[in-house]
Amino acid sequence: MKVDVIQELMNEAYDKWQKGWSRSDFLEYVKKNLSEEHYIAVIFGNLNYQVENGGFSQWDFNGYSEDLDDLLGYISEVPGEEAEQVKGCLLKFKEYSEERDEETRASEHGLPFELYDYREVLRERIYEKFQDQVSELDYKYYDINEGFLENLNNYLERRLKHGDNSGTGADD
């Protein structure tokens, strides 16, 4: 499997990380000062690393799911059936996440005063349900991530080669 361009772009981006930066500071720097290809490589590379090492629940817990809307915005540009399947995983994750957030909000406002001490227990149950839901997505992702990364690598390579950010390769 060839993922050289993804890793190269990620290395170039992370070499710019400054002491004291938050993750959002870093991403903002990449967006403003490096190429769009760097940004795409970083957010998809982080998705892959986090999910491979701990699943979608780790990706979410570590704050990387903040990239979800950007990932969904770029995924449609990546060719291949695997990209469509990754998009499906991301959309399902979004659905589960929104459901979890809604249930959490409802639990915070819906408990009578005498049951208020059970709020944390209820939150834990809601999160356990969420983890169970997204763990199903982990296995779907593991089945396709190698092909997806290869297609993503080729897509980024074409974008860099053509310098026009189209990445479509229509004129190849």
N, C-alpha and C. Protein backbone atom coordinates (compact mmCIF):
# COMPACT_ATOMS: atom_id res chain seq x y z
N MET A 1 0.84 -1.18 0.00
CA MET A 1 0.00 0.00 0.00
C MET A 1 0.89 1.24 0.00
N LYS A 2 0.53 2.20 -0.82
CA LYS A 2 1.33 3.40 -0.97
C LYS A 2 0.58 4.59 -0.37
N VAL A 3 1.11 5.14 0.69
CA VAL A 3 0.52 6.33 1.30
C VAL A 3 1.58 7.40 1.49
N ASP A 4 2.56 7.39 0.61
CA ASP A 4 3.72 8.30 0.76
C ASP A 4 3.33 9.77 0.80
N VAL A 5 2.45 10.19 -0.10
CA VAL A 5 2.10 11.61 -0.18
C VAL A 5 1.36 12.06 1.07
N ILE A 6 0.45 11.25 1.56
CA ILE A 6 -0.28 11.59 2.78
C ILE A 6 0.70 11.81 3.92
N GLN A 7 1.59 10.86 4.13
CA GLN A 7 2.54 10.96 5.23
C GLN A 7 3.49 12.13 5.05
N GLU A 8 3.94 12.34 3.83
CA GLU A 8 4.85 13.46 3.56
C GLU A 8 4.18 14.80 3.88
N LEU A 9 2.94 14.98 3.45
CA LEU A 9 2.21 16.21 3.73
C LEU A 9 1.97 16.38 5.23
N MET A 10 1.62 15.29 5.90
CA MET A 10 1.41 15.36 7.35
C MET A 10 2.71 15.74 8.06
N ASN A 11 3.81 15.12 7.66
CA ASN A 11 5.11 15.44 8.28
C ASN A 11 5.45 16.92 8.10
N GLU A 12 5.25 17.43 6.87
CA GLU A 12 5.54 18.84 6.61
C GLU A 12 4.68 19.74 7.49
N ALA A 13 3.41 19.38 7.64
CA ALA A 13 2.51 20.19 8.45
C ALA A 13 2.90 20.12 9.92
N TYR A 14 3.10 18.91 10.44
CA TYR A 14 3.41 18.77 11.86
C TYR A 14 4.79 19.32 12.22
N ASP A 15 5.67 19.44 11.24
CA ASP A 15 6.96 20.09 11.50
C ASP A 15 6.79 21.57 11.86
N LYS A 16 5.65 22.14 11.52
CA LYS A 16 5.38 23.56 11.79
C LYS A 16 4.73 23.78 13.16
N TRP A 17 4.35 22.69 13.83
CA TRP A 17 3.67 22.82 15.13
C TRP A 17 4.53 23.61 16.10
N GLN A 18 3.92 24.56 16.77
CA GLN A 18 4.61 25.40 17.73
C GLN A 18 4.26 24.99 19.16
N LYS A 19 5.21 25.08 20.03
CA LYS A 19 4.98 24.78 21.44
C LYS A 19 3.86 25.69 21.96
N GLY A 20 2.94 25.10 22.69
CA GLY A 20 1.84 25.86 23.26
C GLY A 20 0.60 25.94 22.39
N TRP A 21 0.68 25.46 21.15
CA TRP A 21 -0.49 25.48 20.28
C TRP A 21 -1.48 24.41 20.70
N SER A 22 -2.73 24.74 20.58
CA SER A 22 -3.77 23.73 20.70
C SER A 22 -3.92 23.07 19.32
N ARG A 23 -4.67 22.01 19.28
CA ARG A 23 -4.93 21.35 17.99
C ARG A 23 -5.63 22.31 17.03
N SER A 24 -6.57 23.07 17.54
CA SER A 24 -7.29 24.02 16.67
C SER A 24 -6.36 25.13 16.17
N ASP A 25 -5.40 25.56 17.01
CA ASP A 25 -4.40 26.53 16.56
C ASP A 25 -3.60 25.96 15.39
N PHE A 26 -3.21 24.70 15.54
CA PHE A 26 -2.42 24.05 14.50
C PHE A 26 -3.21 23.95 13.19
N LEU A 27 -4.46 23.50 13.28
CA LEU A 27 -5.27 23.36 12.06
C LEU A 27 -5.50 24.70 11.39
N GLU A 28 -5.68 25.74 12.19
CA GLU A 28 -5.86 27.08 11.64
C GLU A 28 -4.58 27.52 10.91
N TYR A 29 -3.44 27.22 11.49
CA TYR A 29 -2.16 27.54 10.84
C TYR A 29 -2.05 26.80 9.50
N VAL A 30 -2.37 25.51 9.50
CA VAL A 30 -2.28 24.72 8.27
C VAL A 30 -3.19 25.31 7.19
N LYS A 31 -4.42 25.64 7.57
CA LYS A 31 -5.37 26.22 6.60
C LYS A 31 -4.86 27.52 6.01
N LYS A 32 -4.26 28.37 6.84
CA LYS A 32 -3.85 29.70 6.39
C LYS A 32 -2.49 29.73 5.72
N ASN A 33 -1.59 28.83 6.10
CA ASN A 33 -0.20 28.97 5.68
C ASN A 33 0.33 27.83 4.81
N LEU A 34 -0.36 26.72 4.78
CA LEU A 34 0.07 25.60 3.95
C LEU A 34 -0.99 25.35 2.89
N SER A 35 -0.80 24.32 2.12
CA SER A 35 -1.75 24.03 1.04
C SER A 35 -2.99 23.31 1.55
N GLU A 36 -4.00 23.36 0.74
CA GLU A 36 -5.23 22.61 1.04
C GLU A 36 -4.93 21.11 1.10
N GLU A 37 -3.97 20.67 0.30
CA GLU A 37 -3.57 19.26 0.33
C GLU A 37 -2.99 18.88 1.69
N HIS A 38 -2.24 19.78 2.29
CA HIS A 38 -1.72 19.53 3.65
C HIS A 38 -2.88 19.33 4.63
N TYR A 39 -3.85 20.22 4.54
CA TYR A 39 -4.99 20.14 5.45
C TYR A 39 -5.76 18.83 5.25
N ILE A 40 -6.02 18.48 4.02
CA ILE A 40 -6.73 17.24 3.72
C ILE A 40 -5.95 16.04 4.27
N ALA A 41 -4.65 16.02 4.04
CA ALA A 41 -3.82 14.91 4.53
C ALA A 41 -3.87 14.83 6.05
N VAL A 42 -3.81 15.96 6.72
CA VAL A 42 -3.81 15.98 8.19
C VAL A 42 -5.13 15.46 8.74
N ILE A 43 -6.26 15.95 8.24
CA ILE A 43 -7.52 15.53 8.86
C ILE A 43 -7.86 14.08 8.54
N PHE A 44 -7.55 13.63 7.31
CA PHE A 44 -7.81 12.23 6.99
C PHE A 44 -6.78 11.31 7.64
N GLY A 45 -5.53 11.78 7.73
CA GLY A 45 -4.51 10.99 8.40
C GLY A 45 -4.82 10.81 9.87
N ASN A 46 -5.30 11.88 10.51
CA ASN A 46 -5.70 11.78 11.91
C ASN A 46 -6.89 10.85 12.09
N LEU A 47 -7.85 10.94 11.20
CA LEU A 47 -8.99 10.02 11.24
C LEU A 47 -8.50 8.58 11.21
N ASN A 48 -7.65 8.28 10.24
CA ASN A 48 -7.17 6.92 10.07
C ASN A 48 -6.38 6.45 11.29
N TYR A 49 -5.47 7.28 11.75
CA TYR A 49 -4.64 6.90 12.90
C TYR A 49 -5.50 6.63 14.13
N GLN A 50 -6.40 7.54 14.43
CA GLN A 50 -7.23 7.40 15.62
C GLN A 50 -8.15 6.17 15.52
N VAL A 51 -8.79 5.99 14.39
CA VAL A 51 -9.73 4.86 14.24
C VAL A 51 -8.97 3.54 14.25
N GLU A 52 -7.83 3.48 13.58
CA GLU A 52 -7.05 2.24 13.59
C GLU A 52 -6.58 1.88 15.00
N ASN A 53 -6.29 2.87 15.82
CA ASN A 53 -5.73 2.61 17.14
C ASN A 53 -6.76 2.49 18.26
N GLY A 54 -7.95 3.02 18.05
CA GLY A 54 -8.93 2.94 19.14
C GLY A 54 -10.36 3.08 18.68
N GLY A 55 -10.56 3.06 17.39
CA GLY A 55 -11.92 3.14 16.87
C GLY A 55 -12.45 4.57 16.80
N PHE A 56 -13.66 4.65 16.28
CA PHE A 56 -14.31 5.95 16.16
C PHE A 56 -14.56 6.59 17.53
N SER A 57 -14.74 5.77 18.56
CA SER A 57 -14.95 6.36 19.89
C SER A 57 -13.69 7.06 20.37
N GLN A 58 -12.50 6.53 20.07
CA GLN A 58 -11.25 7.22 20.43
C GLN A 58 -11.11 8.49 19.62
N TRP A 59 -11.42 8.42 18.32
CA TRP A 59 -11.36 9.59 17.44
C TRP A 59 -12.23 10.70 18.01
N ASP A 60 -13.40 10.34 18.49
CA ASP A 60 -14.32 11.31 19.08
C ASP A 60 -13.80 11.80 20.43
N PHE A 61 -13.44 10.89 21.30
CA PHE A 61 -13.00 11.23 22.65
C PHE A 61 -11.80 12.17 22.63
N ASN A 62 -10.89 11.97 21.69
CA ASN A 62 -9.68 12.80 21.59
C ASN A 62 -9.91 14.11 20.85
N GLY A 63 -11.14 14.38 20.47
CA GLY A 63 -11.49 15.67 19.88
C GLY A 63 -11.34 15.78 18.38
N TYR A 64 -10.95 14.71 17.72
CA TYR A 64 -10.74 14.77 16.28
C TYR A 64 -12.06 14.79 15.49
N SER A 65 -13.14 14.40 16.12
CA SER A 65 -14.43 14.42 15.41
C SER A 65 -14.87 15.85 15.12
N GLU A 66 -14.17 16.83 15.67
CA GLU A 66 -14.44 18.23 15.31
C GLU A 66 -14.20 18.46 13.81
N ASP A 67 -13.45 17.58 13.18
CA ASP A 67 -13.15 17.69 11.75
C ASP A 67 -14.24 17.09 10.88
N LEU A 68 -15.28 16.56 11.47
CA LEU A 68 -16.28 15.78 10.73
C LEU A 68 -16.85 16.52 9.53
N ASP A 69 -17.26 17.76 9.70
CA ASP A 69 -17.86 18.49 8.58
C ASP A 69 -16.85 18.70 7.45
N ASP A 70 -15.60 19.00 7.80
CA ASP A 70 -14.58 19.16 6.75
C ASP A 70 -14.30 17.83 6.05
N LEU A 71 -14.24 16.75 6.82
CA LEU A 71 -14.04 15.44 6.22
C LEU A 71 -15.17 15.11 5.24
N LEU A 72 -16.39 15.38 5.66
CA LEU A 72 -17.53 15.13 4.77
C LEU A 72 -17.49 16.02 3.54
N GLY A 73 -16.97 17.22 3.69
CA GLY A 73 -16.84 18.12 2.55
C GLY A 73 -15.83 17.64 1.53
N TYR A 74 -14.74 17.06 1.99
CA TYR A 74 -13.68 16.61 1.07
C TYR A 74 -13.88 15.19 0.57
N ILE A 75 -14.57 14.35 1.31
CA ILE A 75 -14.64 12.92 0.95
C ILE A 75 -15.27 12.70 -0.42
N SER A 76 -16.18 13.57 -0.81
CA SER A 76 -16.85 13.41 -2.11
C SER A 76 -15.89 13.61 -3.27
N GLU A 77 -14.77 14.28 -3.02
CA GLU A 77 -13.78 14.52 -4.07
C GLU A 77 -12.86 13.32 -4.28
N VAL A 78 -12.80 12.44 -3.31
CA VAL A 78 -11.89 11.29 -3.38
C VAL A 78 -12.56 10.19 -4.18
N PRO A 79 -11.90 9.69 -5.21
CA PRO A 79 -12.52 8.64 -6.03
C PRO A 79 -12.52 7.28 -5.33
N GLY A 80 -13.37 6.42 -5.82
CA GLY A 80 -13.37 5.03 -5.38
C GLY A 80 -14.55 4.67 -4.49
N GLU A 81 -14.91 3.41 -4.56
CA GLU A 81 -16.00 2.87 -3.75
C GLU A 81 -15.69 2.98 -2.26
N GLU A 82 -14.41 2.81 -1.91
CA GLU A 82 -14.02 2.89 -0.50
C GLU A 82 -14.33 4.27 0.08
N ALA A 83 -14.15 5.32 -0.72
CA ALA A 83 -14.45 6.67 -0.25
C ALA A 83 -15.94 6.81 0.05
N GLU A 84 -16.76 6.21 -0.78
CA GLU A 84 -18.20 6.23 -0.53
C GLU A 84 -18.53 5.49 0.76
N GLN A 85 -17.83 4.40 1.01
CA GLN A 85 -18.07 3.64 2.23
C GLN A 85 -17.57 4.40 3.46
N VAL A 86 -16.44 5.07 3.35
CA VAL A 86 -15.96 5.90 4.46
C VAL A 86 -16.96 7.02 4.71
N LYS A 87 -17.46 7.61 3.64
CA LYS A 87 -18.47 8.66 3.78
C LYS A 87 -19.69 8.12 4.53
N GLY A 88 -20.09 6.91 4.20
CA GLY A 88 -21.22 6.28 4.91
C GLY A 88 -20.93 6.12 6.39
N CYS A 89 -19.70 5.71 6.73
CA CYS A 89 -19.31 5.59 8.14
C CYS A 89 -19.37 6.94 8.84
N LEU A 90 -18.86 7.97 8.16
CA LEU A 90 -18.85 9.30 8.76
C LEU A 90 -20.27 9.84 8.96
N LEU A 91 -21.14 9.60 7.98
CA LEU A 91 -22.52 10.05 8.12
C LEU A 91 -23.24 9.31 9.24
N LYS A 92 -22.97 8.02 9.37
CA LYS A 92 -23.58 7.24 10.46
C LYS A 92 -23.02 7.73 11.80
N PHE A 93 -21.73 8.00 11.85
CA PHE A 93 -21.13 8.54 13.07
C PHE A 93 -21.84 9.84 13.45
N LYS A 94 -22.05 10.70 12.47
CA LYS A 94 -22.70 11.99 12.74
C LYS A 94 -24.10 11.76 13.30
N GLU A 95 -24.82 10.82 12.74
CA GLU A 95 -26.17 10.50 13.22
C GLU A 95 -26.12 10.02 14.68
N TYR A 96 -25.21 9.09 14.97
CA TYR A 96 -25.08 8.57 16.34
C TYR A 96 -24.66 9.66 17.31
N SER A 97 -23.76 10.52 16.87
CA SER A 97 -23.26 11.59 17.71
C SER A 97 -24.37 12.60 18.04
N GLU A 98 -25.14 12.95 17.04
CA GLU A 98 -26.25 13.88 17.27
C GLU A 98 -27.29 13.26 18.20
N GLU A 99 -27.55 11.98 18.03
CA GLU A 99 -28.48 11.27 18.91
C GLU A 99 -27.96 11.27 20.35
N ARG A 100 -26.67 10.99 20.52
CA ARG A 100 -26.05 11.01 21.85
C ARG A 100 -26.17 12.39 22.49
N ASP A 101 -25.88 13.42 21.71
CA ASP A 101 -25.93 14.78 22.24
C ASP A 101 -27.36 15.17 22.63
N GLU A 102 -28.31 14.77 21.82
CA GLU A 102 -29.71 15.07 22.12
C GLU A 102 -30.17 14.33 23.38
N GLU A 103 -29.81 13.07 23.50
CA GLU A 103 -30.18 12.30 24.69
C GLU A 103 -29.52 12.88 25.94
N THR A 104 -28.29 13.33 25.80
CA THR A 104 -27.59 13.94 26.94
C THR A 104 -28.28 15.23 27.37
N ARG A 105 -28.62 16.07 26.41
CA ARG A 105 -29.33 17.32 26.73
C ARG A 105 -30.67 17.02 27.40
N ALA A 106 -31.39 16.06 26.85
CA ALA A 106 -32.70 15.70 27.42
C ALA A 106 -32.55 15.17 28.84
N SER A 107 -31.49 14.40 29.07
CA SER A 107 -31.31 13.84 30.42
C SER A 107 -30.97 14.92 31.43
N GLU A 108 -30.26 15.94 30.99
CA GLU A 108 -29.89 17.02 31.90
C GLU A 108 -31.09 17.87 32.29
N HIS A 109 -32.03 18.01 31.40
CA HIS A 109 -33.18 18.88 31.66
C HIS A 109 -34.42 18.13 32.08
N GLY A 110 -34.41 16.81 31.89
CA GLY A 110 -35.62 16.06 32.14
C GLY A 110 -35.69 15.35 33.48
N LEU A 111 -34.64 15.41 34.25
CA LEU A 111 -34.65 14.69 35.53
C LEU A 111 -35.30 15.54 36.62
N PRO A 112 -36.22 14.93 37.35
CA PRO A 112 -36.75 15.65 38.51
C PRO A 112 -35.65 15.83 39.55
N PHE A 113 -35.81 16.82 40.40
CA PHE A 113 -34.79 17.16 41.38
C PHE A 113 -34.34 15.96 42.21
N GLU A 114 -35.28 15.13 42.64
CA GLU A 114 -34.91 14.00 43.51
C GLU A 114 -34.08 12.94 42.78
N LEU A 115 -34.07 12.96 41.45
CA LEU A 115 -33.26 12.01 40.68
C LEU A 115 -32.00 12.64 40.10
N TYR A 116 -31.74 13.87 40.47
CA TYR A 116 -30.62 14.62 39.89
C TYR A 116 -29.28 13.91 40.09
N ASP A 117 -29.13 13.17 41.19
CA ASP A 117 -27.88 12.45 41.46
C ASP A 117 -27.61 11.35 40.43
N TYR A 118 -28.63 10.94 39.71
CA TYR A 118 -28.48 9.86 38.73
C TYR A 118 -28.05 10.38 37.36
N ARG A 119 -27.88 11.68 37.25
CA ARG A 119 -27.53 12.27 35.96
C ARG A 119 -26.25 11.67 35.39
N GLU A 120 -25.23 11.51 36.21
CA GLU A 120 -23.95 10.97 35.73
C GLU A 120 -24.10 9.52 35.28
N VAL A 121 -24.90 8.75 36.00
CA VAL A 121 -25.15 7.36 35.60
C VAL A 121 -25.85 7.33 34.24
N LEU A 122 -26.80 8.19 34.07
CA LEU A 122 -27.52 8.26 32.80
C LEU A 122 -26.58 8.69 31.67
N ARG A 123 -25.73 9.66 31.92
CA ARG A 123 -24.75 10.09 30.91
C ARG A 123 -23.84 8.93 30.51
N GLU A 124 -23.39 8.15 31.49
CA GLU A 124 -22.54 7.00 31.21
C GLU A 124 -23.25 5.99 30.34
N ARG A 125 -24.51 5.72 30.61
CA ARG A 125 -25.29 4.77 29.81
C ARG A 125 -25.45 5.28 28.38
N ILE A 126 -25.70 6.57 28.25
CA ILE A 126 -25.85 7.16 26.92
C ILE A 126 -24.54 7.02 26.15
N TYR A 127 -23.42 7.27 26.81
CA TYR A 127 -22.12 7.16 26.13
C TYR A 127 -21.79 5.70 25.80
N GLU A 128 -22.14 4.78 26.68
CA GLU A 128 -21.93 3.35 26.38
C GLU A 128 -22.71 2.93 25.15
N LYS A 129 -23.94 3.39 25.05
CA LYS A 129 -24.76 3.10 23.86
C LYS A 129 -24.08 3.65 22.61
N PHE A 130 -23.60 4.88 22.70
CA PHE A 130 -22.90 5.51 21.59
C PHE A 130 -21.67 4.69 21.19
N GLN A 131 -20.88 4.27 22.18
CA GLN A 131 -19.69 3.46 21.89
C GLN A 131 -20.05 2.16 21.19
N ASP A 132 -21.12 1.53 21.63
CA ASP A 132 -21.57 0.30 20.97
C ASP A 132 -21.95 0.56 19.51
N GLN A 133 -22.65 1.66 19.28
CA GLN A 133 -23.07 1.99 17.92
C GLN A 133 -21.85 2.25 17.03
N VAL A 134 -20.92 3.06 17.50
CA VAL A 134 -19.80 3.41 16.63
C VAL A 134 -18.79 2.27 16.49
N SER A 135 -18.78 1.33 17.43
CA SER A 135 -17.84 0.21 17.29
C SER A 135 -18.19 -0.63 16.06
N GLU A 136 -19.45 -0.65 15.68
CA GLU A 136 -19.84 -1.34 14.44
C GLU A 136 -19.19 -0.67 13.23
N LEU A 137 -19.03 0.63 13.30
CA LEU A 137 -18.40 1.38 12.20
C LEU A 137 -16.92 1.07 12.10
N ASP A 138 -16.29 0.76 13.23
CA ASP A 138 -14.87 0.46 13.25
C ASP A 138 -14.55 -0.67 12.28
N TYR A 139 -15.31 -1.74 12.36
CA TYR A 139 -15.04 -2.92 11.54
C TYR A 139 -15.28 -2.64 10.06
N LYS A 140 -16.27 -1.84 9.77
CA LYS A 140 -16.50 -1.43 8.37
C LYS A 140 -15.30 -0.65 7.86
N TYR A 141 -14.80 0.25 8.70
CA TYR A 141 -13.65 1.07 8.30
C TYR A 141 -12.41 0.21 8.11
N TYR A 142 -12.16 -0.73 9.03
CA TYR A 142 -10.97 -1.58 8.93
C TYR A 142 -10.96 -2.38 7.63
N ASP A 143 -12.13 -2.74 7.15
CA ASP A 143 -12.22 -3.53 5.92
C ASP A 143 -11.86 -2.73 4.67
N ILE A 144 -11.99 -1.41 4.73
CA ILE A 144 -11.82 -0.60 3.53
C ILE A 144 -10.72 0.44 3.61
N ASN A 145 -10.14 0.65 4.79
CA ASN A 145 -9.25 1.79 4.94
C ASN A 145 -8.00 1.70 4.06
N GLU A 146 -7.49 0.52 3.82
CA GLU A 146 -6.29 0.41 2.99
C GLU A 146 -6.55 0.91 1.57
N GLY A 147 -7.64 0.45 0.97
CA GLY A 147 -8.00 0.91 -0.38
C GLY A 147 -8.33 2.39 -0.39
N PHE A 148 -9.00 2.84 0.66
CA PHE A 148 -9.34 4.26 0.75
C PHE A 148 -8.09 5.12 0.81
N LEU A 149 -7.13 4.73 1.64
CA LEU A 149 -5.90 5.51 1.77
C LEU A 149 -5.11 5.54 0.46
N GLU A 150 -5.13 4.45 -0.25
CA GLU A 150 -4.45 4.41 -1.55
C GLU A 150 -5.12 5.39 -2.52
N ASN A 151 -6.45 5.40 -2.54
CA ASN A 151 -7.18 6.34 -3.41
C ASN A 151 -6.96 7.78 -2.97
N LEU A 152 -6.93 8.02 -1.67
CA LEU A 152 -6.68 9.36 -1.15
C LEU A 152 -5.28 9.81 -1.53
N ASN A 153 -4.32 8.92 -1.40
CA ASN A 153 -2.94 9.24 -1.77
C ASN A 153 -2.86 9.63 -3.24
N ASN A 154 -3.49 8.84 -4.10
CA ASN A 154 -3.48 9.13 -5.54
C ASN A 154 -4.18 10.46 -5.85
N TYR A 155 -5.26 10.71 -5.15
CA TYR A 155 -6.00 11.96 -5.32
C TYR A 155 -5.13 13.16 -4.96
N LEU A 156 -4.46 13.08 -3.81
CA LEU A 156 -3.58 14.18 -3.40
C LEU A 156 -2.40 14.34 -4.35
N GLU A 157 -1.87 13.23 -4.81
CA GLU A 157 -0.76 13.26 -5.76
C GLU A 157 -1.17 13.99 -7.04
N ARG A 158 -2.38 13.69 -7.55
CA ARG A 158 -2.88 14.37 -8.76
C ARG A 158 -3.07 15.86 -8.51
N ARG A 159 -3.63 16.21 -7.37
CA ARG A 159 -3.83 17.63 -7.04
C ARG A 159 -2.51 18.37 -7.02
N LEU A 160 -1.51 17.77 -6.40
CA LEU A 160 -0.19 18.41 -6.32
C LEU A 160 0.47 18.50 -7.70
N LYS A 161 0.32 17.46 -8.49
CA LYS A 161 0.92 17.41 -9.82
C LYS A 161 0.32 18.48 -10.74
N HIS A 162 -1.01 18.59 -10.69
CA HIS A 162 -1.69 19.52 -11.58
C HIS A 162 -1.71 20.95 -11.04
N GLY A 163 -1.53 21.08 -9.74
CA GLY A 163 -1.48 22.40 -9.15
C GLY A 163 -2.75 23.20 -9.28
N ASP A 164 -3.83 22.53 -9.68
CA ASP A 164 -5.08 23.27 -9.88
C ASP A 164 -6.12 22.89 -8.85
N ASN A 165 -5.75 22.05 -7.91
CA ASN A 165 -6.63 21.62 -6.83
C ASN A 165 -7.89 20.90 -7.33
N SER A 166 -7.90 20.50 -8.59
CA SER A 166 -9.09 19.78 -9.06
C SER A 166 -9.06 18.34 -8.59
N GLY A 167 -7.90 17.71 -8.69
CA GLY A 167 -7.75 16.36 -8.21
C GLY A 167 -8.56 15.33 -8.94
N THR A 168 -9.30 15.76 -9.96
CA THR A 168 -10.19 14.82 -10.62
C THR A 168 -9.45 13.89 -11.56
N GLY A 169 -8.34 14.35 -12.06
CA GLY A 169 -7.58 13.52 -12.97
C GLY A 169 -8.28 13.32 -14.30
N ALA A 170 -9.26 14.15 -14.61
CA ALA A 170 -10.05 13.99 -15.83
C ALA A 170 -9.18 14.11 -17.07
N ASP A 171 -8.10 14.88 -16.98
CA ASP A 171 -7.26 15.05 -18.15
C ASP A 171 -6.05 14.11 -18.13
N ASP A 172 -6.04 13.16 -17.21
CA ASP A 172 -4.93 12.19 -17.16
C ASP A 172 -5.06 11.17 -18.26
